[in-house]
């Protein structure tokens, strides 16, 4: 593989515990960073199992997250209302906890000499968020240099549509079969990358995915580099 393209949510960043705890405080919930990170992936797993409907998928994510966070069943509906409010705000305010091991994994990928890019379903702020967190940027900076950062809001198309990946392939100068895409969902990332002709890799830190033979899986970003050979 000549190139690796990464998702942001669930691969580089997850919802930070501070706004989550603010939403869940009335229900006696207070998560630390690792607990908030874990809850995200249980939310994603629930979303991947949901019916093929956007509203149902978003609700399934919040329910899965709430269950993993320990929200009591009797107060779930009230908690979900507060969670919807927290998740409806700007990406840059919520999605700001760096995923465990992602910085080391990103640096290892950069050291491999592969061309690198980002494709994310976001709200137009993802490039600034990555810069603020010193994770990566196009060109030189405090993070790892990449060749493209594609935000679905900016380009007007979102995963799983195959077209969004072309916005990254062109600046990377590679064809789809020469690129790998790493994302944390089957619904948007694995299916979208496969439809675009890229090799999908599922970022699944807790081994929750049930489709174990359908596509490759990694638990940490540092495990991606050996798959590129």
C-alpha atoms as a PDB file:
ATOM      1  CA  UNK A   1       0.000   0.000   0.000  1.00  0.00           C
ATOM      2  CA  UNK A   2       1.325   3.415  -0.988  1.00  0.00           C
ATOM      3  CA  UNK A   3      -1.072   5.508   1.105  1.00  0.00           C
ATOM      4  CA  UNK A   4      -3.105   5.409   4.301  1.00  0.00           C
ATOM      5  CA  UNK A   5      -6.141   7.596   4.885  1.00  0.00           C
ATOM      6  CA  UNK A   6      -7.608   7.956   8.361  1.00  0.00           C
ATOM      7  CA  UNK A   7     -10.934   8.801   9.892  1.00  0.00           C
ATOM      8  CA  UNK A   8     -10.859  11.280  12.798  1.00  0.00           C
ATOM      9  CA  UNK A   9     -13.753  10.370  15.100  1.00  0.00           C
ATOM     10  CA  UNK A  10     -12.911   7.156  16.930  1.00  0.00           C
ATOM     11  CA  UNK A  11      -9.448   6.876  15.367  1.00  0.00           C
ATOM     12  CA  UNK A  12      -7.753  10.127  16.368  1.00  0.00           C
ATOM     13  CA  UNK A  13     -10.345  11.835  18.593  1.00  0.00           C
ATOM     14  CA  UNK A  14     -13.355  10.831  20.709  1.00  0.00           C
ATOM     15  CA  UNK A  15     -15.838  12.906  22.731  1.00  0.00           C
ATOM     16  CA  UNK A  16     -14.154  14.517  25.718  1.00  0.00           C
ATOM     17  CA  UNK A  17     -15.420  13.523  29.139  1.00  0.00           C
ATOM     18  CA  UNK A  18     -15.987  17.114  30.322  1.00  0.00           C
ATOM     19  CA  UNK A  19     -19.037  17.938  28.163  1.00  0.00           C
ATOM     20  CA  UNK A  20     -20.258  14.358  28.524  1.00  0.00           C
ATOM     21  CA  UNK A  21     -20.075  14.562  32.313  1.00  0.00           C
ATOM     22  CA  UNK A  22     -21.868  17.901  32.254  1.00  0.00           C
ATOM     23  CA  UNK A  23     -24.714  16.250  30.375  1.00  0.00           C
ATOM     24  CA  UNK A  24     -24.819  13.167  32.591  1.00  0.00           C
ATOM     25  CA  UNK A  25     -24.215  14.789  35.983  1.00  0.00           C
ATOM     26  CA  UNK A  26     -27.945  14.828  36.939  1.00  0.00           C
ATOM     27  CA  UNK A  27     -27.908  11.021  36.675  1.00  0.00           C
ATOM     28  CA  UNK A  28     -24.923  10.504  38.952  1.00  0.00           C
ATOM     29  CA  UNK A  29     -22.502   9.702  36.118  1.00  0.00           C
ATOM     30  CA  UNK A  30     -18.919  10.948  36.053  1.00  0.00           C
ATOM     31  CA  UNK A  31     -16.560   9.327  33.555  1.00  0.00           C
ATOM     32  CA  UNK A  32     -12.799   9.547  33.451  1.00  0.00           C
ATOM     33  CA  UNK A  33     -10.996   9.743  30.124  1.00  0.00           C
ATOM     34  CA  UNK A  34     -10.606   6.018  29.605  1.00  0.00           C
ATOM     35  CA  UNK A  35     -14.245   5.357  30.498  1.00  0.00           C
ATOM     36  CA  UNK A  36     -15.442   8.004  28.055  1.00  0.00           C
ATOM     37  CA  UNK A  37     -13.227   6.542  25.355  1.00  0.00           C
ATOM     38  CA  UNK A  38     -14.594   3.044  25.988  1.00  0.00           C
ATOM     39  CA  UNK A  39     -18.206   4.253  25.920  1.00  0.00           C
ATOM     40  CA  UNK A  40     -17.678   5.739  22.450  1.00  0.00           C
ATOM     41  CA  UNK A  41     -16.786   2.367  20.933  1.00  0.00           C
ATOM     42  CA  UNK A  42     -19.777   0.662  22.524  1.00  0.00           C
ATOM     43  CA  UNK A  43     -21.890   3.418  21.041  1.00  0.00           C
ATOM     44  CA  UNK A  44     -20.345   2.818  17.619  1.00  0.00           C
ATOM     45  CA  UNK A  45     -20.950  -0.914  17.898  1.00  0.00           C
ATOM     46  CA  UNK A  46     -24.617  -0.323  18.693  1.00  0.00           C
ATOM     47  CA  UNK A  47     -24.846   2.063  15.745  1.00  0.00           C
ATOM     48  CA  UNK A  48     -23.344  -0.523  13.391  1.00  0.00           C
ATOM     49  CA  UNK A  49     -26.012  -3.009  14.464  1.00  0.00           C
ATOM     50  CA  UNK A  50     -28.876  -0.531  13.976  1.00  0.00           C
ATOM     51  CA  UNK A  51     -31.253  -0.523  11.044  1.00  0.00           C
ATOM     52  CA  UNK A  52     -30.245   1.242   7.844  1.00  0.00           C
ATOM     53  CA  UNK A  53     -31.646   4.640   8.803  1.00  0.00           C
ATOM     54  CA  UNK A  54     -29.666   7.718   9.853  1.00  0.00           C
ATOM     55  CA  UNK A  55     -31.933   8.736  12.718  1.00  0.00           C
ATOM     56  CA  UNK A  56     -32.025   5.192  14.060  1.00  0.00           C
ATOM     57  CA  UNK A  57     -28.238   4.949  13.796  1.00  0.00           C
ATOM     58  CA  UNK A  58     -27.652   8.187  15.709  1.00  0.00           C
ATOM     59  CA  UNK A  59     -30.056   7.110  18.444  1.00  0.00           C
ATOM     60  CA  UNK A  60     -28.435   3.671  18.680  1.00  0.00           C
ATOM     61  CA  UNK A  61     -25.035   5.315  19.186  1.00  0.00           C
ATOM     62  CA  UNK A  62     -26.314   7.428  22.086  1.00  0.00           C
ATOM     63  CA  UNK A  63     -28.106   4.463  23.672  1.00  0.00           C
ATOM     64  CA  UNK A  64     -25.002   2.301  23.373  1.00  0.00           C
ATOM     65  CA  UNK A  65     -22.881   5.075  24.834  1.00  0.00           C
ATOM     66  CA  UNK A  66     -25.312   5.675  27.701  1.00  0.00           C
ATOM     67  CA  UNK A  67     -25.453   1.974  28.555  1.00  0.00           C
ATOM     68  CA  UNK A  68     -21.654   1.712  28.542  1.00  0.00           C
ATOM     69  CA  UNK A  69     -21.447   4.827  30.713  1.00  0.00           C
ATOM     70  CA  UNK A  70     -23.720   3.204  33.295  1.00  0.00           C
ATOM     71  CA  UNK A  71     -26.822   5.369  32.865  1.00  0.00           C
ATOM     72  CA  UNK A  72     -29.656   3.659  34.796  1.00  0.00           C
ATOM     73  CA  UNK A  73     -32.423   2.290  32.595  1.00  0.00           C
ATOM     74  CA  UNK A  74     -35.081   4.292  34.460  1.00  0.00           C
ATOM     75  CA  UNK A  75     -33.382   7.596  33.614  1.00  0.00           C
ATOM     76  CA  UNK A  76     -32.168   6.706  30.123  1.00  0.00           C
ATOM     77  CA  UNK A  77     -34.690   8.804  28.188  1.00  0.00           C
ATOM     78  CA  UNK A  78     -33.909  11.923  30.188  1.00  0.00           C
ATOM     79  CA  UNK A  79     -30.193  11.261  29.811  1.00  0.00           C
ATOM     80  CA  UNK A  80     -30.556  10.795  26.063  1.00  0.00           C
ATOM     81  CA  UNK A  81     -32.199  14.208  25.779  1.00  0.00           C
ATOM     82  CA  UNK A  82     -29.199  15.838  27.441  1.00  0.00           C
ATOM     83  CA  UNK A  83     -26.780  13.762  25.366  1.00  0.00           C
ATOM     84  CA  UNK A  84     -28.499  14.811  22.130  1.00  0.00           C
ATOM     85  CA  UNK A  85     -27.910  18.417  23.115  1.00  0.00           C
ATOM     86  CA  UNK A  86     -24.236  17.789  23.877  1.00  0.00           C
ATOM     87  CA  UNK A  87     -23.655  15.912  20.611  1.00  0.00           C
ATOM     88  CA  UNK A  88     -25.523  18.508  18.526  1.00  0.00           C
ATOM     89  CA  UNK A  89     -23.013  21.231  19.346  1.00  0.00           C
ATOM     90  CA  UNK A  90     -19.880  22.046  17.345  1.00  0.00           C
ATOM     91  CA  UNK A  91     -17.539  19.119  16.713  1.00  0.00           C
ATOM     92  CA  UNK A  92     -14.645  21.227  17.914  1.00  0.00           C
ATOM     93  CA  UNK A  93     -16.174  21.524  21.404  1.00  0.00           C
ATOM     94  CA  UNK A  94     -17.009  17.850  21.944  1.00  0.00           C
ATOM     95  CA  UNK A  95     -14.563  15.748  19.915  1.00  0.00           C
ATOM     96  CA  UNK A  96     -11.310  16.736  21.585  1.00  0.00           C
ATOM     97  CA  UNK A  97      -9.969  13.757  23.551  1.00  0.00           C
ATOM     98  CA  UNK A  98      -7.053  12.113  21.757  1.00  0.00           C
ATOM     99  CA  UNK A  99      -7.535   8.372  21.299  1.00  0.00           C
ATOM    100  CA  UNK A 100      -5.120   6.247  23.305  1.00  0.00           C
ATOM    101  CA  UNK A 101      -2.002   5.483  21.260  1.00  0.00           C
ATOM    102  CA  UNK A 102      -3.087   7.484  18.223  1.00  0.00           C
ATOM    103  CA  UNK A 103      -0.223   9.965  18.338  1.00  0.00           C
ATOM    104  CA  UNK A 104       2.400   7.204  18.454  1.00  0.00           C
ATOM    105  CA  UNK A 105       0.616   5.291  15.704  1.00  0.00           C
ATOM    106  CA  UNK A 106       0.356   8.361  13.507  1.00  0.00           C
ATOM    107  CA  UNK A 107       4.071   9.062  13.898  1.00  0.00           C
ATOM    108  CA  UNK A 108       4.901   5.480  13.013  1.00  0.00           C
ATOM    109  CA  UNK A 109       2.812   5.725   9.854  1.00  0.00           C
ATOM    110  CA  UNK A 110       4.573   8.948   8.925  1.00  0.00           C
ATOM    111  CA  UNK A 111       7.953   7.318   9.482  1.00  0.00           C
ATOM    112  CA  UNK A 112       6.995   4.537   7.076  1.00  0.00           C
ATOM    113  CA  UNK A 113       7.074   7.036   4.240  1.00  0.00           C
ATOM    114  CA  UNK A 114       3.523   6.364   3.082  1.00  0.00           C
ATOM    115  CA  UNK A 115       1.399   9.195   1.777  1.00  0.00           C
ATOM    116  CA  UNK A 116      -1.180  10.202   4.386  1.00  0.00           C
ATOM    117  CA  UNK A 117      -4.542  11.900   4.419  1.00  0.00           C
ATOM    118  CA  UNK A 118      -7.722  12.394   6.450  1.00  0.00           C
ATOM    119  CA  UNK A 119     -11.372  11.837   5.490  1.00  0.00           C
ATOM    120  CA  UNK A 120     -13.957  12.676   8.148  1.00  0.00           C
ATOM    121  CA  UNK A 121     -17.695  13.219   8.428  1.00  0.00           C
ATOM    122  CA  UNK A 122     -17.653  16.511  10.308  1.00  0.00           C
ATOM    123  CA  UNK A 123     -19.075  20.021  10.481  1.00  0.00           C
ATOM    124  CA  UNK A 124     -16.366  22.097   8.832  1.00  0.00           C
ATOM    125  CA  UNK A 125     -14.098  22.391  11.894  1.00  0.00           C
ATOM    126  CA  UNK A 126     -12.095  19.175  11.714  1.00  0.00           C
ATOM    127  CA  UNK A 127      -8.968  20.698  10.200  1.00  0.00           C
ATOM    128  CA  UNK A 128      -8.826  23.309  12.967  1.00  0.00           C
ATOM    129  CA  UNK A 129      -9.482  20.657  15.608  1.00  0.00           C
ATOM    130  CA  UNK A 130      -6.593  18.510  14.399  1.00  0.00           C
ATOM    131  CA  UNK A 131      -4.330  21.558  14.328  1.00  0.00           C
ATOM    132  CA  UNK A 132      -5.344  22.662  17.837  1.00  0.00           C
ATOM    133  CA  UNK A 133      -4.645  19.219  19.240  1.00  0.00           C
ATOM    134  CA  UNK A 134      -1.282  19.142  17.442  1.00  0.00           C
ATOM    135  CA  UNK A 135      -2.253  15.851  15.815  1.00  0.00           C
ATOM    136  CA  UNK A 136      -1.741  16.615  12.129  1.00  0.00           C
ATOM    137  CA  UNK A 137      -2.023  19.317   9.503  1.00  0.00           C
ATOM    138  CA  UNK A 138      -1.512  19.805   5.792  1.00  0.00           C
ATOM    139  CA  UNK A 139       2.150  20.717   5.436  1.00  0.00           C
ATOM    140  CA  UNK A 140       4.528  21.555   8.234  1.00  0.00           C
ATOM    141  CA  UNK A 141       3.355  22.284  11.770  1.00  0.00           C
ATOM    142  CA  UNK A 142       3.304  20.943  15.311  1.00  0.00           C
ATOM    143  CA  UNK A 143       1.602  17.696  14.308  1.00  0.00           C
ATOM    144  CA  UNK A 144       2.294  15.051  11.682  1.00  0.00           C
ATOM    145  CA  UNK A 145       2.215  16.484   8.135  1.00  0.00           C
ATOM    146  CA  UNK A 146      -0.443  15.022   5.831  1.00  0.00           C
ATOM    147  CA  UNK A 147      -1.319  15.737   2.211  1.00  0.00           C
ATOM    148  CA  UNK A 148      -5.083  16.193   2.580  1.00  0.00           C
ATOM    149  CA  UNK A 149      -7.742  16.784   5.228  1.00  0.00           C
ATOM    150  CA  UNK A 150     -11.221  16.202   3.819  1.00  0.00           C
ATOM    151  CA  UNK A 151     -14.190  17.410   5.889  1.00  0.00           C
ATOM    152  CA  UNK A 152     -17.585  16.224   4.650  1.00  0.00           C
ATOM    153  CA  UNK A 153     -19.201  19.593   5.413  1.00  0.00           C
ATOM    154  CA  UNK A 154     -16.618  21.400   3.292  1.00  0.00           C
ATOM    155  CA  UNK A 155     -16.823  19.108   0.261  1.00  0.00           C
ATOM    156  CA  UNK A 156     -20.579  18.563   0.501  1.00  0.00           C
ATOM    157  CA  UNK A 157     -20.587  14.769   0.590  1.00  0.00           C
ATOM    158  CA  UNK A 158     -20.304  12.314   3.471  1.00  0.00           C
ATOM    159  CA  UNK A 159     -19.332   8.707   4.065  1.00  0.00           C
ATOM    160  CA  UNK A 160     -20.360   6.068   3.154  1.00  0.00           C
ATOM    161  CA  UNK A 161     -20.617   7.748  -0.270  1.00  0.00           C
ATOM    162  CA  UNK A 162     -17.624   6.630  -2.319  1.00  0.00           C
ATOM    163  CA  UNK A 163     -17.142  10.084  -3.829  1.00  0.00           C
ATOM    164  CA  UNK A 164     -15.781  11.617  -0.631  1.00  0.00           C
ATOM    165  CA  UNK A 165     -12.669   9.435  -0.775  1.00  0.00           C
ATOM    166  CA  UNK A 166     -11.756  10.819  -4.182  1.00  0.00           C
ATOM    167  CA  UNK A 167     -11.203  14.215  -2.572  1.00  0.00           C
ATOM    168  CA  UNK A 168      -8.274  12.645  -0.700  1.00  0.00           C
ATOM    169  CA  UNK A 169      -6.976  10.303  -3.392  1.00  0.00           C
ATOM    170  CA  UNK A 170      -6.344  13.130  -5.848  1.00  0.00           C
ATOM    171  CA  UNK A 171      -3.996  15.216  -3.632  1.00  0.00           C
ATOM    172  CA  UNK A 172      -2.285  12.010  -2.493  1.00  0.00           C
ATOM    173  CA  UNK A 173      -1.743  11.062  -6.132  1.00  0.00           C
ATOM    174  CA  UNK A 174      -2.761   7.424  -5.696  1.00  0.00           C
ATOM    175  CA  UNK A 175      -5.426   5.176  -7.123  1.00  0.00           C
ATOM    176  CA  UNK A 176      -7.990   3.556  -4.797  1.00  0.00           C
ATOM    177  CA  UNK A 177      -6.338   0.121  -4.795  1.00  0.00           C
ATOM    178  CA  UNK A 178      -3.094   1.712  -3.591  1.00  0.00           C
ATOM    179  CA  UNK A 179      -4.722   3.164  -0.457  1.00  0.00           C
ATOM    180  CA  UNK A 180      -5.947   1.870   2.889  1.00  0.00           C
ATOM    181  CA  UNK A 181      -8.680   3.561   4.921  1.00  0.00           C
ATOM    182  CA  UNK A 182      -8.866   3.225   8.712  1.00  0.00           C
ATOM    183  CA  UNK A 183     -12.151   4.005  10.461  1.00  0.00           C
ATOM    184  CA  UNK A 184     -14.078   2.944  13.546  1.00  0.00           C
ATOM    185  CA  UNK A 185     -17.437   2.030  11.966  1.00  0.00           C
ATOM    186  CA  UNK A 186     -18.619  -0.641   9.585  1.00  0.00           C
ATOM    187  CA  UNK A 187     -21.610   1.479   8.522  1.00  0.00           C
ATOM    188  CA  UNK A 188     -19.673   4.481   7.237  1.00  0.00           C
ATOM    189  CA  UNK A 189     -16.017   3.548   7.050  1.00  0.00           C
ATOM    190  CA  UNK A 190     -15.667  -0.086   6.033  1.00  0.00           C
ATOM    191  CA  UNK A 191     -18.556   0.031   3.576  1.00  0.00           C
ATOM    192  CA  UNK A 192     -17.626   3.452   2.214  1.00  0.00           C
ATOM    193  CA  UNK A 193     -13.960   2.607   1.694  1.00  0.00           C
ATOM    194  CA  UNK A 194     -14.804  -0.694   0.036  1.00  0.00           C
ATOM    195  CA  UNK A 195     -17.289   1.011  -2.301  1.00  0.00           C
ATOM    196  CA  UNK A 196     -14.567   3.488  -3.277  1.00  0.00           C
ATOM    197  CA  UNK A 197     -12.058   0.708  -3.974  1.00  0.00           C
ATOM    198  CA  UNK A 198      -9.841   1.292  -0.926  1.00  0.00           C
ATOM    199  CA  UNK A 199      -8.806  -1.430   1.496  1.00  0.00           C
ATOM    200  CA  UNK A 200     -10.854  -0.970   4.692  1.00  0.00           C
ATOM    201  CA  UNK A 201      -9.386  -1.494   8.150  1.00  0.00           C
ATOM    202  CA  UNK A 202     -11.715  -1.387  11.146  1.00  0.00           C
ATOM    203  CA  UNK A 203     -10.356   0.416  14.210  1.00  0.00           C
ATOM    204  CA  UNK A 204     -11.949  -1.690  16.964  1.00  0.00           C
ATOM    205  CA  UNK A 205     -10.119  -1.371  20.311  1.00  0.00           C
ATOM    206  CA  UNK A 206     -12.491  -3.671  22.222  1.00  0.00           C
ATOM    207  CA  UNK A 207     -12.979  -6.347  19.555  1.00  0.00           C
ATOM    208  CA  UNK A 208     -16.698  -5.622  19.347  1.00  0.00           C
ATOM    209  CA  UNK A 209     -17.173  -6.123  15.607  1.00  0.00           C
ATOM    210  CA  UNK A 210     -18.977  -9.347  14.760  1.00  0.00           C
ATOM    211  CA  UNK A 211     -17.732  -9.436  11.156  1.00  0.00           C
ATOM    212  CA  UNK A 212     -14.344 -10.956  11.961  1.00  0.00           C
ATOM    213  CA  UNK A 213     -13.580 -12.426   8.516  1.00  0.00           C
ATOM    214  CA  UNK A 214     -15.067  -9.677   6.354  1.00  0.00           C
ATOM    215  CA  UNK A 215     -12.332  -7.056   6.850  1.00  0.00           C
ATOM    216  CA  UNK A 216      -9.132  -6.380   8.789  1.00  0.00           C
ATOM    217  CA  UNK A 217      -9.249  -5.094  12.371  1.00  0.00           C
ATOM    218  CA  UNK A 218      -6.805  -3.225  14.600  1.00  0.00           C
ATOM    219  CA  UNK A 219      -7.013  -2.360  18.279  1.00  0.00           C
ATOM    220  CA  UNK A 220      -4.458   0.475  18.153  1.00  0.00           C
ATOM    221  CA  UNK A 221      -3.258   2.734  15.375  1.00  0.00           C
ATOM    222  CA  UNK A 222       0.281   1.430  15.752  1.00  0.00           C
ATOM    223  CA  UNK A 223      -0.975  -1.917  14.387  1.00  0.00           C
ATOM    224  CA  UNK A 224      -1.808  -0.377  10.988  1.00  0.00           C
ATOM    225  CA  UNK A 225       1.739   0.061   9.678  1.00  0.00           C
ATOM    226  CA  UNK A 226       2.504  -3.710   9.393  1.00  0.00           C
ATOM    227  CA  UNK A 227      -0.677  -4.173   7.329  1.00  0.00           C
ATOM    228  CA  UNK A 228       0.620  -1.809   4.648  1.00  0.00           C
ATOM    229  CA  UNK A 229       3.285  -4.235   3.392  1.00  0.00           C
END
